[in-house]
Amino acid sequence: MPITIEETLALSFTRLLPVKRRLGQTFYDRLFEQAPSLRRLFPESMALQQEAFFSTLCAIVREAGHPEGLRPRLLALGERHAAYGAEAEHFGLVGDTLLEALRETMPGGLSAVENAAWSEAIASVSETMIEGLEAERMRSSGPVRAARP
């Protein structure tokens, strides 16, 4: 019997629990190696950031079968990222880096099925966060007025 994406995420996530700190450290180390300019968007001490990162991963896995429950949280997260200076183009790099960190830290590695499930989940999360980021940018820029001739 084939298992669902949601079940795949949940099963693989249980293997991450013992290495959650290493996952967070690996993710941010790789992200800042690939894009050093992003380091300025984050606090000096990354301990709380790594906890927030893992908490968000928990929510993504927990709500994977119910995306409507996760959507408001991801939209709000995207909105906050606008204030941090994040750009829509950062999300591709972040997603790729997260997959790389998952492959590197997941005990036993990621199977092809797990890789596909995480890729799909990350793409969906990124899309929703970008929607929140862009909506916040539109709100903060105020109404657009037509130029007078």
N, C-alpha and C. Protein backbone atom coordinates (compact mmCIF):
# COMPACT_ATOMS: atom_id res chain seq x y z
N MET A 1 0.84 -1.17 0.00
CA MET A 1 0.00 0.00 0.00
C MET A 1 0.90 1.25 0.00
N PRO A 2 0.75 2.12 -1.00
CA PRO A 2 1.58 3.34 -1.04
C PRO A 2 1.25 4.26 0.14
N ILE A 3 2.26 4.95 0.62
CA ILE A 3 2.00 5.90 1.70
C ILE A 3 1.91 7.31 1.12
N THR A 4 1.21 8.16 1.82
CA THR A 4 0.99 9.52 1.34
C THR A 4 2.21 10.40 1.61
N ILE A 5 2.20 11.55 0.99
CA ILE A 5 3.26 12.54 1.24
C ILE A 5 3.27 12.90 2.72
N GLU A 6 2.08 13.08 3.28
CA GLU A 6 1.97 13.46 4.69
C GLU A 6 2.60 12.40 5.60
N GLU A 7 2.32 11.13 5.29
CA GLU A 7 2.89 10.04 6.09
C GLU A 7 4.41 9.98 5.90
N THR A 8 4.86 10.20 4.68
CA THR A 8 6.30 10.20 4.40
C THR A 8 7.01 11.29 5.19
N LEU A 9 6.44 12.49 5.20
CA LEU A 9 7.03 13.59 5.97
C LEU A 9 7.06 13.24 7.44
N ALA A 10 5.95 12.73 7.97
CA ALA A 10 5.87 12.42 9.40
C ALA A 10 6.88 11.34 9.80
N LEU A 11 6.97 10.29 9.00
CA LEU A 11 7.90 9.21 9.32
C LEU A 11 9.35 9.68 9.27
N SER A 12 9.68 10.44 8.25
CA SER A 12 11.07 10.92 8.16
C SER A 12 11.36 11.95 9.26
N PHE A 13 10.36 12.73 9.61
CA PHE A 13 10.55 13.75 10.64
C PHE A 13 10.91 13.13 11.99
N THR A 14 10.34 11.98 12.30
CA THR A 14 10.67 11.33 13.58
C THR A 14 12.17 10.99 13.65
N ARG A 15 12.77 10.72 12.50
CA ARG A 15 14.21 10.45 12.48
C ARG A 15 15.03 11.71 12.70
N LEU A 16 14.42 12.88 12.44
CA LEU A 16 15.14 14.15 12.63
C LEU A 16 15.19 14.60 14.09
N LEU A 17 14.24 14.16 14.87
CA LEU A 17 14.14 14.66 16.25
C LEU A 17 15.45 14.57 17.03
N PRO A 18 16.17 13.45 16.97
CA PRO A 18 17.43 13.39 17.73
C PRO A 18 18.54 14.30 17.19
N VAL A 19 18.39 14.78 15.96
CA VAL A 19 19.45 15.60 15.35
C VAL A 19 18.95 17.00 15.00
N LYS A 20 17.90 17.46 15.69
CA LYS A 20 17.29 18.74 15.31
C LYS A 20 18.26 19.91 15.43
N ARG A 21 19.11 19.92 16.44
CA ARG A 21 20.08 21.02 16.57
C ARG A 21 21.08 20.98 15.43
N ARG A 22 21.53 19.78 15.10
CA ARG A 22 22.48 19.64 14.00
C ARG A 22 21.84 20.07 12.68
N LEU A 23 20.57 19.74 12.48
CA LEU A 23 19.87 20.16 11.26
C LEU A 23 19.85 21.68 11.17
N GLY A 24 19.45 22.35 12.25
CA GLY A 24 19.40 23.81 12.25
C GLY A 24 20.77 24.43 11.99
N GLN A 25 21.78 23.91 12.66
CA GLN A 25 23.15 24.42 12.48
C GLN A 25 23.62 24.21 11.05
N THR A 26 23.40 23.01 10.53
CA THR A 26 23.82 22.70 9.16
C THR A 26 23.09 23.59 8.16
N PHE A 27 21.78 23.75 8.34
CA PHE A 27 21.00 24.57 7.43
C PHE A 27 21.54 26.00 7.38
N TYR A 28 21.68 26.63 8.53
CA TYR A 28 22.14 28.02 8.54
C TYR A 28 23.60 28.15 8.11
N ASP A 29 24.45 27.20 8.48
CA ASP A 29 25.85 27.23 8.01
C ASP A 29 25.89 27.21 6.48
N ARG A 30 25.14 26.28 5.87
CA ARG A 30 25.13 26.17 4.41
C ARG A 30 24.52 27.42 3.76
N LEU A 31 23.45 27.92 4.35
CA LEU A 31 22.80 29.11 3.79
C LEU A 31 23.77 30.28 3.77
N PHE A 32 24.46 30.51 4.86
CA PHE A 32 25.38 31.65 4.94
C PHE A 32 26.64 31.43 4.11
N GLU A 33 27.04 30.16 3.89
CA GLU A 33 28.16 29.87 3.00
C GLU A 33 27.78 30.23 1.56
N GLN A 34 26.55 29.90 1.17
CA GLN A 34 26.11 30.12 -0.19
C GLN A 34 25.70 31.57 -0.46
N ALA A 35 25.23 32.24 0.58
CA ALA A 35 24.78 33.64 0.43
C ALA A 35 25.17 34.43 1.68
N PRO A 36 26.43 34.79 1.80
CA PRO A 36 26.89 35.50 2.99
C PRO A 36 26.11 36.79 3.28
N SER A 37 25.58 37.41 2.26
CA SER A 37 24.84 38.66 2.47
C SER A 37 23.56 38.44 3.27
N LEU A 38 23.07 37.21 3.33
CA LEU A 38 21.86 36.94 4.10
C LEU A 38 22.11 36.94 5.61
N ARG A 39 23.36 36.80 6.02
CA ARG A 39 23.66 36.72 7.45
C ARG A 39 23.15 37.95 8.19
N ARG A 40 23.18 39.11 7.54
CA ARG A 40 22.76 40.36 8.19
C ARG A 40 21.27 40.38 8.51
N LEU A 41 20.49 39.48 7.90
CA LEU A 41 19.06 39.43 8.14
C LEU A 41 18.70 38.67 9.42
N PHE A 42 19.70 38.09 10.06
CA PHE A 42 19.46 37.22 11.21
C PHE A 42 20.15 37.77 12.46
N PRO A 43 19.64 37.35 13.64
CA PRO A 43 20.26 37.81 14.89
C PRO A 43 21.68 37.26 15.05
N GLU A 44 22.45 37.96 15.87
CA GLU A 44 23.83 37.52 16.14
C GLU A 44 23.84 36.08 16.70
N SER A 45 23.05 35.85 17.74
CA SER A 45 22.95 34.51 18.31
C SER A 45 21.84 33.77 17.58
N MET A 46 22.14 32.61 17.05
CA MET A 46 21.19 31.87 16.23
C MET A 46 20.40 30.82 17.01
N ALA A 47 20.61 30.70 18.31
CA ALA A 47 19.95 29.64 19.09
C ALA A 47 18.42 29.74 19.00
N LEU A 48 17.87 30.92 19.25
CA LEU A 48 16.42 31.08 19.18
C LEU A 48 15.91 30.93 17.74
N GLN A 49 16.69 31.40 16.80
CA GLN A 49 16.32 31.28 15.39
C GLN A 49 16.22 29.81 14.99
N GLN A 50 17.18 29.01 15.44
CA GLN A 50 17.16 27.59 15.11
C GLN A 50 15.97 26.89 15.75
N GLU A 51 15.59 27.30 16.96
CA GLU A 51 14.39 26.74 17.59
C GLU A 51 13.14 27.11 16.80
N ALA A 52 13.05 28.36 16.37
CA ALA A 52 11.90 28.81 15.57
C ALA A 52 11.84 28.05 14.25
N PHE A 53 12.99 27.84 13.64
CA PHE A 53 13.09 27.09 12.40
C PHE A 53 12.53 25.68 12.58
N PHE A 54 12.96 25.01 13.65
CA PHE A 54 12.50 23.64 13.88
C PHE A 54 11.02 23.62 14.24
N SER A 55 10.57 24.60 14.98
CA SER A 55 9.15 24.70 15.32
C SER A 55 8.30 24.84 14.06
N THR A 56 8.78 25.62 13.11
CA THR A 56 8.05 25.77 11.85
C THR A 56 8.05 24.46 11.07
N LEU A 57 9.17 23.75 11.07
CA LEU A 57 9.20 22.44 10.43
C LEU A 57 8.18 21.50 11.07
N CYS A 58 8.08 21.54 12.41
CA CYS A 58 7.09 20.71 13.12
C CYS A 58 5.69 21.03 12.64
N ALA A 59 5.37 22.30 12.55
CA ALA A 59 4.04 22.72 12.11
C ALA A 59 3.77 22.27 10.68
N ILE A 60 4.77 22.37 9.82
CA ILE A 60 4.61 21.96 8.42
C ILE A 60 4.29 20.48 8.34
N VAL A 61 5.01 19.68 9.10
CA VAL A 61 4.77 18.24 9.09
C VAL A 61 3.42 17.91 9.72
N ARG A 62 3.12 18.53 10.84
CA ARG A 62 1.86 18.28 11.55
C ARG A 62 0.64 18.64 10.69
N GLU A 63 0.73 19.72 9.95
CA GLU A 63 -0.40 20.21 9.17
C GLU A 63 -0.34 19.83 7.69
N ALA A 64 0.59 18.97 7.33
CA ALA A 64 0.78 18.64 5.91
C ALA A 64 -0.50 18.15 5.24
N GLY A 65 -1.31 17.42 5.94
CA GLY A 65 -2.56 16.94 5.36
C GLY A 65 -3.69 17.94 5.41
N HIS A 66 -3.43 19.06 6.07
CA HIS A 66 -4.45 20.11 6.25
C HIS A 66 -3.85 21.47 5.96
N PRO A 67 -3.50 21.72 4.71
CA PRO A 67 -2.79 22.97 4.39
C PRO A 67 -3.57 24.23 4.75
N GLU A 68 -4.91 24.15 4.78
CA GLU A 68 -5.68 25.34 5.14
C GLU A 68 -5.42 25.76 6.58
N GLY A 69 -5.04 24.82 7.44
CA GLY A 69 -4.71 25.16 8.82
C GLY A 69 -3.35 25.83 8.95
N LEU A 70 -2.45 25.50 8.06
CA LEU A 70 -1.10 26.05 8.09
C LEU A 70 -0.99 27.37 7.34
N ARG A 71 -1.85 27.58 6.38
CA ARG A 71 -1.78 28.76 5.51
C ARG A 71 -1.69 30.09 6.26
N PRO A 72 -2.55 30.37 7.25
CA PRO A 72 -2.44 31.66 7.95
C PRO A 72 -1.09 31.86 8.63
N ARG A 73 -0.55 30.80 9.20
CA ARG A 73 0.76 30.90 9.87
C ARG A 73 1.86 31.21 8.84
N LEU A 74 1.79 30.57 7.68
CA LEU A 74 2.81 30.80 6.66
C LEU A 74 2.69 32.16 6.01
N LEU A 75 1.46 32.62 5.81
CA LEU A 75 1.27 33.98 5.29
C LEU A 75 1.85 35.00 6.26
N ALA A 76 1.58 34.83 7.55
CA ALA A 76 2.11 35.74 8.57
C ALA A 76 3.63 35.67 8.62
N LEU A 77 4.18 34.48 8.47
CA LEU A 77 5.63 34.32 8.46
C LEU A 77 6.23 35.04 7.26
N GLY A 78 5.58 34.92 6.12
CA GLY A 78 6.04 35.64 4.93
C GLY A 78 5.97 37.15 5.14
N GLU A 79 4.89 37.62 5.77
CA GLU A 79 4.75 39.05 6.06
C GLU A 79 5.90 39.52 6.96
N ARG A 80 6.21 38.75 8.00
CA ARG A 80 7.32 39.14 8.88
C ARG A 80 8.64 39.17 8.13
N HIS A 81 8.81 38.23 7.20
CA HIS A 81 10.06 38.20 6.43
C HIS A 81 10.23 39.45 5.57
N ALA A 82 9.13 40.08 5.18
CA ALA A 82 9.24 41.35 4.44
C ALA A 82 9.94 42.38 5.31
N ALA A 83 9.58 42.44 6.58
CA ALA A 83 10.20 43.39 7.51
C ALA A 83 11.68 43.06 7.76
N TYR A 84 12.04 41.79 7.64
CA TYR A 84 13.44 41.39 7.85
C TYR A 84 14.32 41.73 6.66
N GLY A 85 13.69 42.06 5.53
CA GLY A 85 14.46 42.37 4.33
C GLY A 85 14.57 41.20 3.37
N ALA A 86 13.81 40.14 3.59
CA ALA A 86 13.84 38.99 2.69
C ALA A 86 13.25 39.38 1.33
N GLU A 87 13.71 38.72 0.31
CA GLU A 87 13.22 38.93 -1.05
C GLU A 87 12.68 37.60 -1.57
N ALA A 88 11.73 37.66 -2.48
CA ALA A 88 11.12 36.45 -3.04
C ALA A 88 12.18 35.50 -3.61
N GLU A 89 13.20 36.06 -4.23
CA GLU A 89 14.23 35.20 -4.84
C GLU A 89 15.06 34.44 -3.81
N HIS A 90 15.04 34.83 -2.55
CA HIS A 90 15.76 34.10 -1.51
C HIS A 90 15.15 32.73 -1.26
N PHE A 91 13.86 32.58 -1.52
CA PHE A 91 13.15 31.36 -1.13
C PHE A 91 13.63 30.13 -1.89
N GLY A 92 14.04 30.27 -3.13
CA GLY A 92 14.59 29.14 -3.87
C GLY A 92 15.86 28.62 -3.22
N LEU A 93 16.76 29.55 -2.90
CA LEU A 93 18.00 29.18 -2.24
C LEU A 93 17.73 28.54 -0.88
N VAL A 94 16.81 29.12 -0.12
CA VAL A 94 16.47 28.58 1.20
C VAL A 94 15.93 27.16 1.06
N GLY A 95 15.04 26.94 0.10
CA GLY A 95 14.49 25.60 -0.11
C GLY A 95 15.55 24.60 -0.51
N ASP A 96 16.41 24.98 -1.44
CA ASP A 96 17.50 24.09 -1.87
C ASP A 96 18.43 23.78 -0.71
N THR A 97 18.72 24.79 0.09
CA THR A 97 19.62 24.62 1.23
C THR A 97 18.99 23.72 2.29
N LEU A 98 17.69 23.87 2.51
CA LEU A 98 17.02 23.00 3.46
C LEU A 98 17.06 21.55 3.00
N LEU A 99 16.81 21.30 1.72
CA LEU A 99 16.89 19.92 1.22
C LEU A 99 18.30 19.37 1.39
N GLU A 100 19.29 20.18 1.10
CA GLU A 100 20.69 19.76 1.27
C GLU A 100 20.96 19.41 2.73
N ALA A 101 20.50 20.25 3.65
CA ALA A 101 20.71 20.01 5.08
C ALA A 101 19.96 18.75 5.53
N LEU A 102 18.76 18.54 5.01
CA LEU A 102 18.02 17.32 5.34
C LEU A 102 18.77 16.08 4.87
N ARG A 103 19.27 16.13 3.64
CA ARG A 103 20.02 14.98 3.11
C ARG A 103 21.26 14.69 3.96
N GLU A 104 21.91 15.77 4.39
CA GLU A 104 23.16 15.62 5.14
C GLU A 104 22.94 15.15 6.57
N THR A 105 21.88 15.60 7.21
CA THR A 105 21.71 15.30 8.64
C THR A 105 20.73 14.18 8.95
N MET A 106 19.86 13.83 8.02
CA MET A 106 18.84 12.80 8.26
C MET A 106 19.52 11.46 8.53
N PRO A 107 19.32 10.90 9.72
CA PRO A 107 19.88 9.57 9.98
C PRO A 107 19.38 8.58 8.93
N GLY A 108 20.32 7.94 8.27
CA GLY A 108 19.96 7.00 7.21
C GLY A 108 19.78 7.67 5.86
N GLY A 109 19.91 9.00 5.81
CA GLY A 109 19.75 9.73 4.56
C GLY A 109 18.30 9.84 4.14
N LEU A 110 18.07 10.53 3.05
CA LEU A 110 16.72 10.68 2.50
C LEU A 110 16.55 9.72 1.34
N SER A 111 15.46 8.97 1.35
CA SER A 111 15.15 8.13 0.20
C SER A 111 14.64 9.03 -0.92
N ALA A 112 14.51 8.48 -2.11
CA ALA A 112 13.97 9.25 -3.23
C ALA A 112 12.54 9.71 -2.94
N VAL A 113 11.75 8.86 -2.30
CA VAL A 113 10.37 9.20 -1.96
C VAL A 113 10.36 10.33 -0.92
N GLU A 114 11.23 10.23 0.08
CA GLU A 114 11.31 11.29 1.10
C GLU A 114 11.79 12.60 0.49
N ASN A 115 12.77 12.52 -0.37
CA ASN A 115 13.28 13.72 -1.03
C ASN A 115 12.16 14.41 -1.81
N ALA A 116 11.37 13.62 -2.54
CA ALA A 116 10.26 14.18 -3.32
C ALA A 116 9.21 14.80 -2.40
N ALA A 117 8.91 14.14 -1.29
CA ALA A 117 7.90 14.67 -0.35
C ALA A 117 8.38 15.98 0.26
N TRP A 118 9.63 16.02 0.71
CA TRP A 118 10.16 17.26 1.29
C TRP A 118 10.24 18.36 0.23
N SER A 119 10.62 18.01 -0.98
CA SER A 119 10.68 19.01 -2.05
C SER A 119 9.32 19.63 -2.30
N GLU A 120 8.30 18.80 -2.34
CA GLU A 120 6.95 19.30 -2.57
C GLU A 120 6.48 20.18 -1.41
N ALA A 121 6.74 19.73 -0.19
CA ALA A 121 6.33 20.51 0.98
C ALA A 121 7.04 21.86 1.02
N ILE A 122 8.34 21.85 0.76
CA ILE A 122 9.13 23.09 0.78
C ILE A 122 8.64 24.05 -0.30
N ALA A 123 8.35 23.54 -1.48
CA ALA A 123 7.85 24.39 -2.56
C ALA A 123 6.52 25.02 -2.18
N SER A 124 5.64 24.25 -1.58
CA SER A 124 4.34 24.76 -1.17
C SER A 124 4.48 25.83 -0.08
N VAL A 125 5.33 25.57 0.89
CA VAL A 125 5.58 26.53 1.97
C VAL A 125 6.17 27.82 1.39
N SER A 126 7.13 27.69 0.51
CA SER A 126 7.76 28.87 -0.10
C SER A 126 6.74 29.70 -0.86
N GLU A 127 5.90 29.03 -1.63
CA GLU A 127 4.89 29.74 -2.41
C GLU A 127 3.95 30.56 -1.51
N THR A 128 3.53 29.96 -0.41
CA THR A 128 2.62 30.66 0.50
C THR A 128 3.33 31.79 1.22
N MET A 129 4.57 31.56 1.64
CA MET A 129 5.32 32.62 2.32
C MET A 129 5.59 33.79 1.37
N ILE A 130 5.90 33.50 0.13
CA ILE A 130 6.13 34.57 -0.85
C ILE A 130 4.84 35.37 -1.04
N GLU A 131 3.72 34.69 -1.06
CA GLU A 131 2.43 35.38 -1.15
C GLU A 131 2.27 36.36 0.01
N GLY A 132 2.60 35.92 1.23
CA GLY A 132 2.52 36.80 2.40
C GLY A 132 3.52 37.94 2.31
N LEU A 133 4.74 37.65 1.88
CA LEU A 133 5.77 38.67 1.73
C LEU A 133 5.33 39.73 0.74
N GLU A 134 4.83 39.32 -0.41
CA GLU A 134 4.42 40.28 -1.44
C GLU A 134 3.19 41.07 -1.01
N ALA A 135 2.27 40.43 -0.30
CA ALA A 135 1.09 41.15 0.20
C ALA A 135 1.51 42.23 1.20
N GLU A 136 2.46 41.91 2.05
CA GLU A 136 2.95 42.90 3.02
C GLU A 136 3.67 44.05 2.31
N ARG A 137 4.44 43.74 1.29
CA ARG A 137 5.11 44.79 0.53
C ARG A 137 4.10 45.72 -0.13
N MET A 138 3.02 45.15 -0.65
CA MET A 138 1.97 45.96 -1.28
C MET A 138 1.29 46.85 -0.24
N ARG A 139 1.00 46.30 0.94
CA ARG A 139 0.36 47.08 2.01
C ARG A 139 1.27 48.20 2.48
N SER A 140 2.53 47.89 2.66
CA SER A 140 3.45 48.89 3.22
C SER A 140 3.83 49.96 2.22
N SER A 141 3.65 49.68 0.93
CA SER A 141 3.98 50.71 -0.05
C SER A 141 2.85 51.69 -0.25
N GLY A 142 1.68 51.38 0.31
CA GLY A 142 0.54 52.30 0.22
C GLY A 142 -0.12 52.22 -1.13
N PRO A 143 -1.15 53.03 -1.31
CA PRO A 143 -1.88 53.00 -2.58
C PRO A 143 -1.01 53.54 -3.72
N VAL A 144 -1.21 52.92 -4.86
CA VAL A 144 -0.48 53.34 -6.04
C VAL A 144 -1.34 54.39 -6.76
N ARG A 145 -0.75 55.53 -7.04
CA ARG A 145 -1.48 56.61 -7.74
C ARG A 145 -0.97 56.71 -9.17
N ALA A 146 -1.89 56.95 -10.04
CA ALA A 146 -1.51 57.15 -11.44
C ALA A 146 -0.79 58.48 -11.58
N ALA A 147 0.21 58.46 -12.42
CA ALA A 147 0.96 59.71 -12.67
C ALA A 147 0.09 60.68 -13.46
N ARG A 148 0.19 61.93 -13.11
CA ARG A 148 -0.55 62.96 -13.87
C ARG A 148 0.22 63.32 -15.13
N PRO A 149 -0.52 63.57 -16.22
CA PRO A 149 0.16 63.94 -17.47
C PRO A 149 0.82 65.28 -17.38
